Amino acid sequence: MRKIRSGDDVIVLTGKDKGKRGTVLKVVDAEHLVVENINMAKKHQKPNPQRGIAGGIVDKPMPIHVSNVALYNPIKGAGDRIGFRVLGDGRKVRVFKSNGEVVDA
């Protein structure tokens, strides 16, 4: 079970995008994530008329290391660490370390 999954709302802790929030689009591998509008890079793209792709310079989100982001805690209003807890019915859930609230209901 991963601490940060696709679809989670995260906040960037370090780097050029420090303090920005975004949603995790894709988990690349065990240590890298792609977050929307975070760590953007310019890509020079050739046109492809068969696919309807126009050429030019486009922005592309690049992977960011998982240690540079934290899951956003809406109650606290900031990033928070994640832990795990087994509920009474046997389900394993993610919880915020600061207040013990369950992340996914």
N, C-alpha and C. Protein backbone atom coordinates (compact mmCIF):
# COMPACT_ATOMS: atom_id res chain seq x y z
N MET A 1 0.85 -1.18 0.00
CA MET A 1 0.00 0.00 0.00
C MET A 1 0.90 1.24 0.00
N ARG A 2 0.64 2.14 -0.93
CA ARG A 2 1.44 3.36 -1.07
C ARG A 2 0.90 4.47 -0.17
N LYS A 3 1.82 5.33 0.30
CA LYS A 3 1.40 6.46 1.12
C LYS A 3 0.76 7.54 0.27
N ILE A 4 1.28 7.75 -0.95
CA ILE A 4 0.71 8.73 -1.87
C ILE A 4 0.28 7.99 -3.13
N ARG A 5 -0.99 8.16 -3.53
CA ARG A 5 -1.54 7.45 -4.67
C ARG A 5 -1.98 8.44 -5.74
N SER A 6 -2.33 7.90 -6.89
CA SER A 6 -2.86 8.71 -7.99
C SER A 6 -4.19 9.31 -7.57
N GLY A 7 -4.39 10.58 -7.85
CA GLY A 7 -5.62 11.26 -7.47
C GLY A 7 -5.54 12.01 -6.16
N ASP A 8 -4.47 11.85 -5.39
CA ASP A 8 -4.33 12.54 -4.11
C ASP A 8 -3.97 14.01 -4.33
N ASP A 9 -4.39 14.85 -3.40
CA ASP A 9 -4.04 16.27 -3.42
C ASP A 9 -2.78 16.43 -2.58
N VAL A 10 -1.70 16.94 -3.22
CA VAL A 10 -0.41 17.06 -2.54
C VAL A 10 0.06 18.50 -2.57
N ILE A 11 1.01 18.82 -1.69
CA ILE A 11 1.65 20.12 -1.64
C ILE A 11 3.15 19.90 -1.75
N VAL A 12 3.84 20.78 -2.50
CA VAL A 12 5.28 20.64 -2.74
C VAL A 12 6.03 21.25 -1.57
N LEU A 13 7.01 20.51 -1.03
CA LEU A 13 7.78 20.95 0.13
C LEU A 13 9.06 21.67 -0.25
N THR A 14 9.73 21.25 -1.32
CA THR A 14 11.00 21.84 -1.71
C THR A 14 11.07 22.01 -3.22
N GLY A 15 12.00 22.84 -3.66
CA GLY A 15 12.22 23.02 -5.08
C GLY A 15 11.61 24.31 -5.61
N LYS A 16 11.62 24.46 -6.93
CA LYS A 16 11.15 25.70 -7.56
C LYS A 16 9.66 25.93 -7.40
N ASP A 17 8.89 24.88 -7.16
CA ASP A 17 7.44 24.98 -7.00
C ASP A 17 7.00 24.86 -5.54
N LYS A 18 7.87 25.22 -4.61
CA LYS A 18 7.58 25.08 -3.19
C LYS A 18 6.31 25.84 -2.81
N GLY A 19 5.41 25.15 -2.09
CA GLY A 19 4.17 25.75 -1.64
C GLY A 19 2.99 25.55 -2.58
N LYS A 20 3.23 25.09 -3.80
CA LYS A 20 2.14 24.89 -4.75
C LYS A 20 1.42 23.57 -4.46
N ARG A 21 0.11 23.56 -4.78
CA ARG A 21 -0.69 22.35 -4.61
C ARG A 21 -1.09 21.81 -5.96
N GLY A 22 -1.27 20.49 -6.02
CA GLY A 22 -1.72 19.85 -7.25
C GLY A 22 -2.20 18.45 -6.98
N THR A 23 -2.77 17.85 -8.01
CA THR A 23 -3.28 16.48 -7.92
C THR A 23 -2.30 15.54 -8.59
N VAL A 24 -2.07 14.39 -7.98
CA VAL A 24 -1.16 13.39 -8.55
C VAL A 24 -1.84 12.78 -9.77
N LEU A 25 -1.19 12.92 -10.93
CA LEU A 25 -1.73 12.36 -12.17
C LEU A 25 -1.32 10.92 -12.36
N LYS A 26 -0.05 10.60 -12.01
CA LYS A 26 0.46 9.27 -12.27
C LYS A 26 1.59 8.96 -11.30
N VAL A 27 1.67 7.72 -10.84
CA VAL A 27 2.81 7.24 -10.05
C VAL A 27 3.74 6.56 -11.04
N VAL A 28 4.93 7.15 -11.28
CA VAL A 28 5.86 6.64 -12.29
C VAL A 28 6.53 5.36 -11.80
N ASP A 29 7.13 5.42 -10.62
CA ASP A 29 7.72 4.23 -10.00
C ASP A 29 7.61 4.40 -8.49
N ALA A 30 8.37 3.64 -7.73
CA ALA A 30 8.25 3.66 -6.27
C ALA A 30 8.63 5.02 -5.68
N GLU A 31 9.42 5.82 -6.40
CA GLU A 31 9.93 7.06 -5.82
C GLU A 31 9.59 8.32 -6.59
N HIS A 32 8.84 8.23 -7.70
CA HIS A 32 8.56 9.41 -8.51
C HIS A 32 7.07 9.52 -8.85
N LEU A 33 6.58 10.77 -8.85
CA LEU A 33 5.19 11.08 -9.16
C LEU A 33 5.12 12.15 -10.23
N VAL A 34 4.04 12.18 -10.98
CA VAL A 34 3.75 13.28 -11.89
C VAL A 34 2.55 14.01 -11.30
N VAL A 35 2.76 15.32 -10.99
CA VAL A 35 1.72 16.14 -10.38
C VAL A 35 1.33 17.23 -11.37
N GLU A 36 0.02 17.48 -11.51
CA GLU A 36 -0.43 18.45 -12.50
C GLU A 36 0.07 19.86 -12.15
N ASN A 37 0.60 20.56 -13.18
CA ASN A 37 1.11 21.92 -13.08
C ASN A 37 2.28 22.08 -12.11
N ILE A 38 2.98 21.01 -11.83
CA ILE A 38 4.17 21.05 -10.97
C ILE A 38 5.35 20.49 -11.76
N ASN A 39 6.52 21.13 -11.62
CA ASN A 39 7.75 20.70 -12.28
C ASN A 39 7.55 20.65 -13.81
N MET A 40 7.04 21.75 -14.35
CA MET A 40 6.76 21.84 -15.78
C MET A 40 8.05 22.08 -16.56
N ALA A 41 8.14 21.46 -17.74
CA ALA A 41 9.29 21.62 -18.63
C ALA A 41 8.78 21.96 -20.02
N LYS A 42 9.60 22.68 -20.78
CA LYS A 42 9.25 23.02 -22.16
C LYS A 42 9.68 21.88 -23.06
N LYS A 43 8.78 21.45 -23.95
CA LYS A 43 9.08 20.38 -24.89
C LYS A 43 8.85 20.90 -26.30
N HIS A 44 9.85 20.73 -27.16
CA HIS A 44 9.72 21.11 -28.56
C HIS A 44 9.09 19.95 -29.30
N GLN A 45 7.87 20.14 -29.78
CA GLN A 45 7.09 19.05 -30.35
C GLN A 45 6.91 19.25 -31.85
N LYS A 46 7.19 18.19 -32.61
CA LYS A 46 6.98 18.23 -34.05
C LYS A 46 5.49 18.04 -34.34
N PRO A 47 4.98 18.66 -35.40
CA PRO A 47 3.58 18.47 -35.74
C PRO A 47 3.33 17.08 -36.31
N ASN A 48 2.14 16.54 -36.04
CA ASN A 48 1.73 15.25 -36.56
C ASN A 48 0.28 15.40 -37.06
N PRO A 49 0.12 15.67 -38.35
CA PRO A 49 -1.24 15.91 -38.87
C PRO A 49 -2.16 14.70 -38.76
N GLN A 50 -1.61 13.48 -38.78
CA GLN A 50 -2.46 12.28 -38.68
C GLN A 50 -3.14 12.19 -37.33
N ARG A 51 -2.46 12.61 -36.27
CA ARG A 51 -3.04 12.59 -34.93
C ARG A 51 -3.67 13.92 -34.55
N GLY A 52 -3.51 14.92 -35.41
CA GLY A 52 -4.08 16.23 -35.11
C GLY A 52 -3.28 17.01 -34.08
N ILE A 53 -1.97 16.74 -33.99
CA ILE A 53 -1.10 17.42 -33.03
C ILE A 53 -0.40 18.58 -33.73
N ALA A 54 -0.56 19.76 -33.16
CA ALA A 54 0.11 20.93 -33.71
C ALA A 54 1.53 21.00 -33.16
N GLY A 55 2.44 21.49 -33.96
CA GLY A 55 3.82 21.61 -33.53
C GLY A 55 4.03 22.86 -32.69
N GLY A 56 5.18 22.96 -32.07
CA GLY A 56 5.52 24.14 -31.28
C GLY A 56 6.10 23.75 -29.94
N ILE A 57 6.18 24.72 -29.06
CA ILE A 57 6.72 24.50 -27.72
C ILE A 57 5.54 24.31 -26.77
N VAL A 58 5.51 23.16 -26.12
CA VAL A 58 4.42 22.84 -25.19
C VAL A 58 4.99 22.60 -23.79
N ASP A 59 4.16 22.84 -22.78
CA ASP A 59 4.54 22.55 -21.41
C ASP A 59 4.18 21.12 -21.07
N LYS A 60 5.10 20.45 -20.37
CA LYS A 60 4.90 19.05 -20.03
C LYS A 60 5.27 18.84 -18.56
N PRO A 61 4.39 18.21 -17.75
CA PRO A 61 4.76 17.95 -16.36
C PRO A 61 5.78 16.81 -16.28
N MET A 62 6.84 17.03 -15.52
CA MET A 62 7.90 16.04 -15.35
C MET A 62 7.77 15.40 -13.96
N PRO A 63 8.34 14.21 -13.78
CA PRO A 63 8.25 13.55 -12.47
C PRO A 63 8.97 14.32 -11.37
N ILE A 64 8.45 14.21 -10.17
CA ILE A 64 9.04 14.81 -8.98
C ILE A 64 9.22 13.71 -7.94
N HIS A 65 10.27 13.81 -7.14
CA HIS A 65 10.55 12.77 -6.15
C HIS A 65 9.50 12.81 -5.04
N VAL A 66 9.12 11.65 -4.56
CA VAL A 66 8.04 11.52 -3.58
C VAL A 66 8.42 12.20 -2.25
N SER A 67 9.71 12.33 -1.95
CA SER A 67 10.12 12.97 -0.70
C SER A 67 9.95 14.48 -0.74
N ASN A 68 9.72 15.05 -1.93
CA ASN A 68 9.55 16.49 -2.07
C ASN A 68 8.10 16.93 -2.01
N VAL A 69 7.18 16.01 -1.80
CA VAL A 69 5.77 16.35 -1.68
C VAL A 69 5.19 15.72 -0.41
N ALA A 70 4.10 16.32 0.08
CA ALA A 70 3.39 15.78 1.24
C ALA A 70 1.90 15.82 0.92
N LEU A 71 1.16 14.88 1.45
CA LEU A 71 -0.28 14.84 1.26
C LEU A 71 -0.91 16.04 1.95
N TYR A 72 -1.82 16.73 1.25
CA TYR A 72 -2.45 17.93 1.80
C TYR A 72 -3.56 17.54 2.77
N ASN A 73 -3.48 18.10 3.98
CA ASN A 73 -4.48 17.85 5.01
C ASN A 73 -5.43 19.05 5.05
N PRO A 74 -6.69 18.91 4.58
CA PRO A 74 -7.60 20.06 4.55
C PRO A 74 -7.97 20.59 5.93
N ILE A 75 -7.96 19.76 6.95
CA ILE A 75 -8.30 20.20 8.30
C ILE A 75 -7.18 21.08 8.86
N LYS A 76 -5.95 20.67 8.65
CA LYS A 76 -4.78 21.40 9.12
C LYS A 76 -4.44 22.57 8.19
N GLY A 77 -4.76 22.43 6.90
CA GLY A 77 -4.47 23.47 5.92
C GLY A 77 -3.03 23.46 5.46
N ALA A 78 -2.35 22.34 5.61
CA ALA A 78 -0.94 22.23 5.21
C ALA A 78 -0.64 20.77 4.88
N GLY A 79 0.59 20.51 4.48
CA GLY A 79 1.01 19.15 4.21
C GLY A 79 1.15 18.36 5.49
N ASP A 80 0.98 17.05 5.38
CA ASP A 80 1.05 16.21 6.57
C ASP A 80 1.64 14.85 6.22
N ARG A 81 2.23 14.21 7.22
CA ARG A 81 2.78 12.88 7.03
C ARG A 81 1.66 11.85 7.11
N ILE A 82 1.95 10.65 6.57
CA ILE A 82 0.94 9.60 6.47
C ILE A 82 1.39 8.38 7.26
N GLY A 83 0.43 7.77 7.94
CA GLY A 83 0.66 6.51 8.62
C GLY A 83 -0.44 5.53 8.24
N PHE A 84 -0.34 4.33 8.76
CA PHE A 84 -1.34 3.30 8.47
C PHE A 84 -1.97 2.81 9.76
N ARG A 85 -3.25 2.41 9.67
CA ARG A 85 -3.96 1.87 10.82
C ARG A 85 -4.90 0.78 10.32
N VAL A 86 -5.05 -0.27 11.09
CA VAL A 86 -6.00 -1.34 10.76
C VAL A 86 -7.27 -1.08 11.57
N LEU A 87 -8.37 -0.96 10.86
CA LEU A 87 -9.65 -0.70 11.52
C LEU A 87 -10.22 -1.98 12.12
N GLY A 88 -11.31 -1.83 12.85
CA GLY A 88 -11.93 -2.96 13.52
C GLY A 88 -12.44 -4.03 12.57
N ASP A 89 -12.85 -3.62 11.35
CA ASP A 89 -13.35 -4.59 10.39
C ASP A 89 -12.24 -5.23 9.57
N GLY A 90 -10.98 -4.93 9.89
CA GLY A 90 -9.85 -5.56 9.22
C GLY A 90 -9.27 -4.79 8.06
N ARG A 91 -9.87 -3.63 7.70
CA ARG A 91 -9.34 -2.84 6.59
C ARG A 91 -8.13 -2.04 7.05
N LYS A 92 -7.13 -1.95 6.16
CA LYS A 92 -5.95 -1.14 6.41
C LYS A 92 -6.14 0.19 5.71
N VAL A 93 -6.10 1.30 6.45
CA VAL A 93 -6.36 2.62 5.88
C VAL A 93 -5.20 3.57 6.18
N ARG A 94 -5.12 4.63 5.36
CA ARG A 94 -4.12 5.67 5.59
C ARG A 94 -4.69 6.71 6.54
N VAL A 95 -3.85 7.21 7.45
CA VAL A 95 -4.27 8.24 8.41
C VAL A 95 -3.23 9.35 8.44
N PHE A 96 -3.69 10.58 8.75
CA PHE A 96 -2.77 11.69 8.95
C PHE A 96 -2.10 11.55 10.31
N LYS A 97 -0.79 11.80 10.36
CA LYS A 97 -0.03 11.63 11.60
C LYS A 97 -0.40 12.69 12.64
N SER A 98 -0.75 13.92 12.19
CA SER A 98 -0.97 15.01 13.15
C SER A 98 -2.26 14.85 13.94
N ASN A 99 -3.35 14.44 13.28
CA ASN A 99 -4.63 14.37 13.99
C ASN A 99 -5.29 13.00 13.96
N GLY A 100 -4.72 12.03 13.25
CA GLY A 100 -5.25 10.68 13.23
C GLY A 100 -6.48 10.50 12.35
N GLU A 101 -6.85 11.50 11.55
CA GLU A 101 -8.01 11.41 10.68
C GLU A 101 -7.72 10.44 9.54
N VAL A 102 -8.73 9.68 9.13
CA VAL A 102 -8.60 8.73 8.04
C VAL A 102 -8.59 9.50 6.72
N VAL A 103 -7.62 9.19 5.84
CA VAL A 103 -7.50 9.87 4.56
C VAL A 103 -8.58 9.39 3.60
N ASP A 104 -8.68 8.08 3.39
CA ASP A 104 -9.67 7.53 2.47
C ASP A 104 -10.74 6.78 3.26
N ALA A 105 -11.97 7.23 3.11
CA ALA A 105 -13.06 6.64 3.88
C ALA A 105 -13.56 5.36 3.28
